[in-house]
C-alpha cells in the first residue's frame, strides 16, 4: 500500500486536533510520504531501518530555518519519528 494513501486517511482523522497540530502533522508526514515515493518504499516496508534512512536523508537535504544552523535538531528529528509512529499505529 502506498504511504500517501494512508496519509490522506490519517489527516482526515485528526480534524479534532488544533489547527497548528494538524499543520505540523501534515508538513512532517508529507515530507516522509514524498521520501517514501522517491525511495520506492511502501507502507508494508516501513521499519526502523527505513525510518533511519529517511532521517539520514532529511539531515542531508533539509534546510533548517534558523540562521547559522547546518543540520536539523534532535528535537525536530524526534518530532518526525513520533509523527511517523503515530501514522503507522
Protein backbone atom coordinates (compact mmCIF):
# COMPACT_ATOMS: atom_id res chain seq x y z
CA UNK A 1 0.00 0.00 0.00
CA UNK A 2 1.16 3.49 -0.81
CA UNK A 3 2.08 5.69 2.17
CA UNK A 4 0.36 8.70 0.60
CA UNK A 5 -2.99 6.87 0.62
CA UNK A 6 -2.71 6.14 4.33
CA UNK A 7 -1.56 9.70 4.94
CA UNK A 8 -4.72 11.15 3.41
CA UNK A 9 -6.90 8.92 5.59
CA UNK A 10 -4.85 9.82 8.67
CA UNK A 11 -5.05 13.57 8.03
CA UNK A 12 -8.81 13.28 7.69
CA UNK A 13 -8.95 11.54 11.07
CA UNK A 14 -7.14 14.28 13.03
CA UNK A 15 -9.63 17.08 12.39
CA UNK A 16 -10.34 17.17 16.13
CA UNK A 17 -6.80 18.44 16.83
CA UNK A 18 -5.89 22.11 16.88
CA UNK A 19 -5.04 23.79 13.58
CA UNK A 20 -1.32 24.11 14.45
CA UNK A 21 -1.12 20.42 15.30
CA UNK A 22 -2.85 19.46 12.08
CA UNK A 23 -0.48 21.62 10.04
CA UNK A 24 2.57 20.19 11.81
CA UNK A 25 1.49 16.61 11.21
CA UNK A 26 0.66 17.37 7.60
CA UNK A 27 4.01 19.06 6.91
CA UNK A 28 6.18 16.39 8.51
CA UNK A 29 4.23 13.40 7.23
CA UNK A 30 4.07 14.80 3.70
CA UNK A 31 7.87 15.04 3.66
CA UNK A 32 8.02 11.40 4.82
CA UNK A 33 5.42 10.30 2.27
CA UNK A 34 7.26 12.08 -0.54
CA UNK A 35 10.51 10.41 0.51
CA UNK A 36 8.79 7.00 0.53
CA UNK A 37 7.58 7.62 -3.02
CA UNK A 38 11.05 8.67 -4.18
CA UNK A 39 12.71 5.73 -2.43
CA UNK A 40 10.08 3.24 -3.60
CA UNK A 41 9.09 2.35 -0.04
CA UNK A 42 5.58 1.02 0.52
CA UNK A 43 3.73 1.12 3.82
CA UNK A 44 4.47 -2.56 4.43
CA UNK A 45 8.21 -1.91 4.05
CA UNK A 46 8.40 0.85 6.66
CA UNK A 47 10.53 -0.35 9.56
CA UNK A 48 13.25 1.04 11.83
CA UNK A 49 15.89 0.87 9.09
CA UNK A 50 13.71 2.72 6.60
CA UNK A 51 12.90 5.43 9.15
CA UNK A 52 16.62 5.79 9.91
CA UNK A 53 17.35 6.05 6.17
CA UNK A 54 14.69 8.76 5.95
CA UNK A 55 16.26 10.65 8.88
CA UNK A 56 19.70 10.39 7.26
CA UNK A 57 18.23 11.76 4.03
CA UNK A 58 16.42 14.51 5.94
CA UNK A 59 19.60 15.57 7.74
CA UNK A 60 21.46 15.73 4.43
CA UNK A 61 18.74 17.54 2.47
CA UNK A 62 16.65 19.60 4.88
CA UNK A 63 17.46 23.27 5.27
CA UNK A 64 16.90 24.40 8.87
CA UNK A 65 15.01 27.64 9.41
CA UNK A 66 17.48 29.01 11.95
CA UNK A 67 20.33 31.09 10.58
CA UNK A 68 23.74 29.51 11.06
CA UNK A 69 22.38 26.03 11.73
CA UNK A 70 23.51 23.36 9.27
CA UNK A 71 21.54 20.32 10.42
CA UNK A 72 18.10 19.60 11.82
CA UNK A 73 17.97 19.41 15.59
CA UNK A 74 17.44 16.20 17.52
CA UNK A 75 14.09 17.64 18.62
CA UNK A 76 12.98 18.05 15.01
CA UNK A 77 14.14 14.52 14.17
CA UNK A 78 12.23 13.19 17.19
CA UNK A 79 9.09 15.03 16.04
CA UNK A 80 9.35 13.32 12.65
CA UNK A 81 9.78 9.90 14.27
CA UNK A 82 6.88 10.49 16.65
CA UNK A 83 4.62 11.58 13.79
CA UNK A 84 5.62 8.58 11.66
CA UNK A 85 4.96 6.23 14.57
CA UNK A 86 1.55 7.80 15.09
CA UNK A 87 0.73 7.43 11.39
CA UNK A 88 1.65 3.74 11.46
CA UNK A 89 -0.44 2.97 14.53
